[in-house]
């Protein structure tokens, strides 16, 4: 019961690779863009957004009689 099992070398390398990738991603320079914040109720009035069109109905006219 006192024996400790080692992980496969493949698993150890995968863990190291993932940690290295995460570290590189965190160190990578990035730009924070100032994006405008729109309140939920004004989402429809946002510039550049087209107003929603009313839903259209379908009328079937039977001309076979």
N, C-alpha and C. Protein backbone atom coordinates (compact mmCIF):
# COMPACT_ATOMS: atom_id res chain seq x y z
N UNK A 1 0.80 -1.20 0.00
CA UNK A 1 0.00 0.00 0.00
C UNK A 1 0.84 1.26 0.00
N UNK A 2 2.06 1.20 0.44
CA UNK A 2 2.92 2.36 0.51
C UNK A 2 3.54 2.71 -0.83
N UNK A 3 3.33 1.89 -1.86
CA UNK A 3 3.93 2.16 -3.16
C UNK A 3 3.16 3.26 -3.89
N UNK A 4 3.92 4.14 -4.53
CA UNK A 4 3.31 5.19 -5.34
C UNK A 4 3.53 4.83 -6.80
N UNK A 5 2.50 4.97 -7.59
CA UNK A 5 2.64 4.68 -9.01
C UNK A 5 2.96 5.97 -9.76
N UNK A 6 3.85 5.84 -10.74
CA UNK A 6 4.21 6.98 -11.59
C UNK A 6 3.23 7.07 -12.74
N UNK A 7 2.95 8.27 -13.19
CA UNK A 7 2.16 8.45 -14.39
C UNK A 7 3.02 8.12 -15.60
N UNK A 8 2.37 7.73 -16.68
CA UNK A 8 3.11 7.47 -17.92
C UNK A 8 3.85 8.73 -18.34
N UNK A 9 4.96 8.55 -19.00
CA UNK A 9 5.75 9.68 -19.49
C UNK A 9 4.92 10.54 -20.44
N UNK A 10 4.06 9.91 -21.24
CA UNK A 10 3.22 10.63 -22.17
C UNK A 10 2.28 11.59 -21.43
N UNK A 11 1.68 11.12 -20.36
CA UNK A 11 0.76 11.95 -19.59
C UNK A 11 1.50 13.11 -18.93
N UNK A 12 2.68 12.83 -18.41
CA UNK A 12 3.49 13.88 -17.78
C UNK A 12 3.85 14.95 -18.81
N UNK A 13 4.25 14.53 -20.00
CA UNK A 13 4.61 15.48 -21.06
C UNK A 13 3.39 16.29 -21.50
N UNK A 14 2.22 15.67 -21.57
CA UNK A 14 1.00 16.39 -21.94
C UNK A 14 0.66 17.45 -20.90
N UNK A 15 0.80 17.12 -19.63
CA UNK A 15 0.54 18.09 -18.56
C UNK A 15 1.51 19.26 -18.67
N UNK A 16 2.78 18.96 -18.89
CA UNK A 16 3.79 20.01 -19.04
C UNK A 16 3.48 20.89 -20.25
N UNK A 17 3.08 20.26 -21.37
CA UNK A 17 2.78 21.00 -22.60
C UNK A 17 1.60 21.95 -22.37
N UNK A 18 0.55 21.45 -21.72
CA UNK A 18 -0.64 22.28 -21.47
C UNK A 18 -0.29 23.45 -20.56
N UNK A 19 0.49 23.20 -19.53
CA UNK A 19 0.90 24.28 -18.62
C UNK A 19 1.74 25.32 -19.36
N UNK A 20 2.65 24.84 -20.22
CA UNK A 20 3.50 25.75 -20.98
C UNK A 20 2.65 26.61 -21.92
N UNK A 21 1.67 25.99 -22.61
CA UNK A 21 0.79 26.73 -23.50
C UNK A 21 -0.03 27.78 -22.74
N UNK A 22 -0.54 27.39 -21.57
CA UNK A 22 -1.32 28.33 -20.76
C UNK A 22 -0.45 29.51 -20.32
N UNK A 23 0.78 29.22 -19.93
CA UNK A 23 1.70 30.27 -19.49
C UNK A 23 2.02 31.22 -20.65
N UNK A 24 2.29 30.65 -21.85
CA UNK A 24 2.58 31.46 -23.02
C UNK A 24 1.39 32.33 -23.41
N UNK A 25 0.19 31.76 -23.32
CA UNK A 25 -1.02 32.50 -23.67
C UNK A 25 -1.22 33.66 -22.69
N UNK A 26 -0.93 33.44 -21.42
CA UNK A 26 -1.10 34.48 -20.41
C UNK A 26 -0.07 35.59 -20.59
N UNK A 27 1.11 35.26 -21.09
CA UNK A 27 2.18 36.24 -21.26
C UNK A 27 2.08 36.99 -22.58
N UNK A 28 1.26 36.50 -23.49
CA UNK A 28 1.13 37.10 -24.81
C UNK A 28 0.49 38.49 -24.68
N UNK A 29 1.09 39.50 -25.36
CA UNK A 29 0.51 40.84 -25.27
C UNK A 29 -0.88 40.87 -25.92
N UNK A 30 -1.76 41.68 -25.36
CA UNK A 30 -3.10 41.81 -25.92
C UNK A 30 -3.55 43.26 -25.79
N UNK A 31 -4.51 43.61 -26.62
CA UNK A 31 -5.05 44.97 -26.61
C UNK A 31 -6.45 44.92 -26.03
N UNK A 32 -6.71 45.83 -25.11
CA UNK A 32 -8.04 45.96 -24.54
C UNK A 32 -8.74 47.10 -25.25
N UNK A 33 -9.78 46.80 -26.01
CA UNK A 33 -10.51 47.83 -26.75
C UNK A 33 -11.63 48.41 -25.90
N UNK A 34 -11.77 49.73 -25.92
CA UNK A 34 -12.88 50.34 -25.19
C UNK A 34 -14.18 50.17 -25.99
N UNK A 35 -15.01 49.24 -25.60
CA UNK A 35 -16.27 49.00 -26.29
C UNK A 35 -17.40 49.69 -25.55
N UNK A 36 -18.32 50.30 -26.30
CA UNK A 36 -19.44 50.96 -25.62
C UNK A 36 -20.36 49.94 -24.96
N UNK A 37 -20.92 50.34 -23.84
CA UNK A 37 -21.83 49.48 -23.10
C UNK A 37 -23.24 50.01 -23.32
N UNK A 38 -24.11 49.14 -23.82
CA UNK A 38 -25.50 49.52 -24.07
C UNK A 38 -26.39 48.85 -23.04
N UNK A 39 -27.23 49.62 -22.37
CA UNK A 39 -28.19 49.00 -21.44
C UNK A 39 -29.14 48.08 -22.21
N UNK A 40 -29.66 47.09 -21.53
CA UNK A 40 -30.52 46.10 -22.18
C UNK A 40 -31.73 46.73 -22.86
N UNK A 41 -32.35 47.71 -22.21
CA UNK A 41 -33.55 48.29 -22.78
C UNK A 41 -33.25 49.19 -23.98
N UNK A 42 -32.03 49.63 -24.14
CA UNK A 42 -31.65 50.45 -25.28
C UNK A 42 -30.97 49.64 -26.38
N UNK A 43 -30.93 48.34 -26.24
CA UNK A 43 -30.28 47.48 -27.24
C UNK A 43 -30.90 47.68 -28.62
N UNK A 44 -32.22 47.89 -28.66
CA UNK A 44 -32.90 48.06 -29.93
C UNK A 44 -32.56 49.39 -30.58
N UNK A 45 -32.21 50.39 -29.78
CA UNK A 45 -31.93 51.72 -30.29
C UNK A 45 -30.44 51.94 -30.58
N UNK A 46 -29.67 50.88 -30.52
CA UNK A 46 -28.23 50.97 -30.72
C UNK A 46 -27.92 51.47 -32.14
N UNK A 47 -26.96 52.37 -32.30
CA UNK A 47 -26.61 52.86 -33.64
C UNK A 47 -26.18 51.72 -34.55
N UNK A 48 -26.60 51.77 -35.80
CA UNK A 48 -26.22 50.75 -36.76
C UNK A 48 -27.11 49.53 -36.76
N UNK A 49 -28.03 49.46 -35.85
CA UNK A 49 -28.93 48.31 -35.78
C UNK A 49 -30.24 48.67 -36.45
N UNK A 50 -30.67 47.82 -37.36
CA UNK A 50 -31.94 48.06 -38.05
C UNK A 50 -33.09 47.66 -37.13
N UNK A 51 -34.17 48.44 -37.15
CA UNK A 51 -35.32 48.07 -36.32
C UNK A 51 -35.92 46.75 -36.79
N UNK A 52 -36.46 46.01 -35.83
CA UNK A 52 -37.07 44.73 -36.19
C UNK A 52 -38.32 44.97 -36.99
N UNK A 53 -38.49 44.18 -38.03
CA UNK A 53 -39.69 44.29 -38.87
C UNK A 53 -40.79 43.46 -38.23
N UNK A 54 -42.04 43.93 -38.35
CA UNK A 54 -43.13 43.13 -37.79
C UNK A 54 -43.24 41.80 -38.54
N UNK A 55 -43.68 40.77 -37.82
CA UNK A 55 -43.80 39.47 -38.45
C UNK A 55 -44.92 39.52 -39.49
N UNK A 56 -44.72 38.78 -40.56
CA UNK A 56 -45.68 38.77 -41.64
C UNK A 56 -46.58 37.55 -41.51
N UNK A 57 -47.82 37.72 -41.90
CA UNK A 57 -48.75 36.61 -41.90
C UNK A 57 -48.85 36.00 -43.30
N UNK A 58 -49.46 34.86 -43.40
CA UNK A 58 -49.64 34.18 -44.68
C UNK A 58 -51.14 34.06 -44.93
N UNK A 59 -51.56 34.44 -46.14
CA UNK A 59 -52.97 34.30 -46.54
C UNK A 59 -53.02 33.35 -47.73
N UNK A 60 -53.87 32.34 -47.62
CA UNK A 60 -54.04 31.38 -48.72
C UNK A 60 -55.43 31.62 -49.32
N UNK A 61 -55.44 31.88 -50.60
CA UNK A 61 -56.72 32.10 -51.30
C UNK A 61 -56.95 30.93 -52.24
N UNK A 62 -58.05 30.24 -52.04
CA UNK A 62 -58.39 29.08 -52.86
C UNK A 62 -59.23 29.53 -54.04
N UNK A 63 -58.65 29.50 -55.25
CA UNK A 63 -59.33 29.93 -56.46
C UNK A 63 -59.84 28.77 -57.29
N UNK A 64 -59.87 27.60 -56.73
CA UNK A 64 -60.28 26.43 -57.49
C UNK A 64 -61.79 26.26 -57.63
N UNK A 65 -62.63 27.05 -56.99
CA UNK A 65 -64.09 26.91 -57.09
C UNK A 65 -64.66 27.73 -58.18
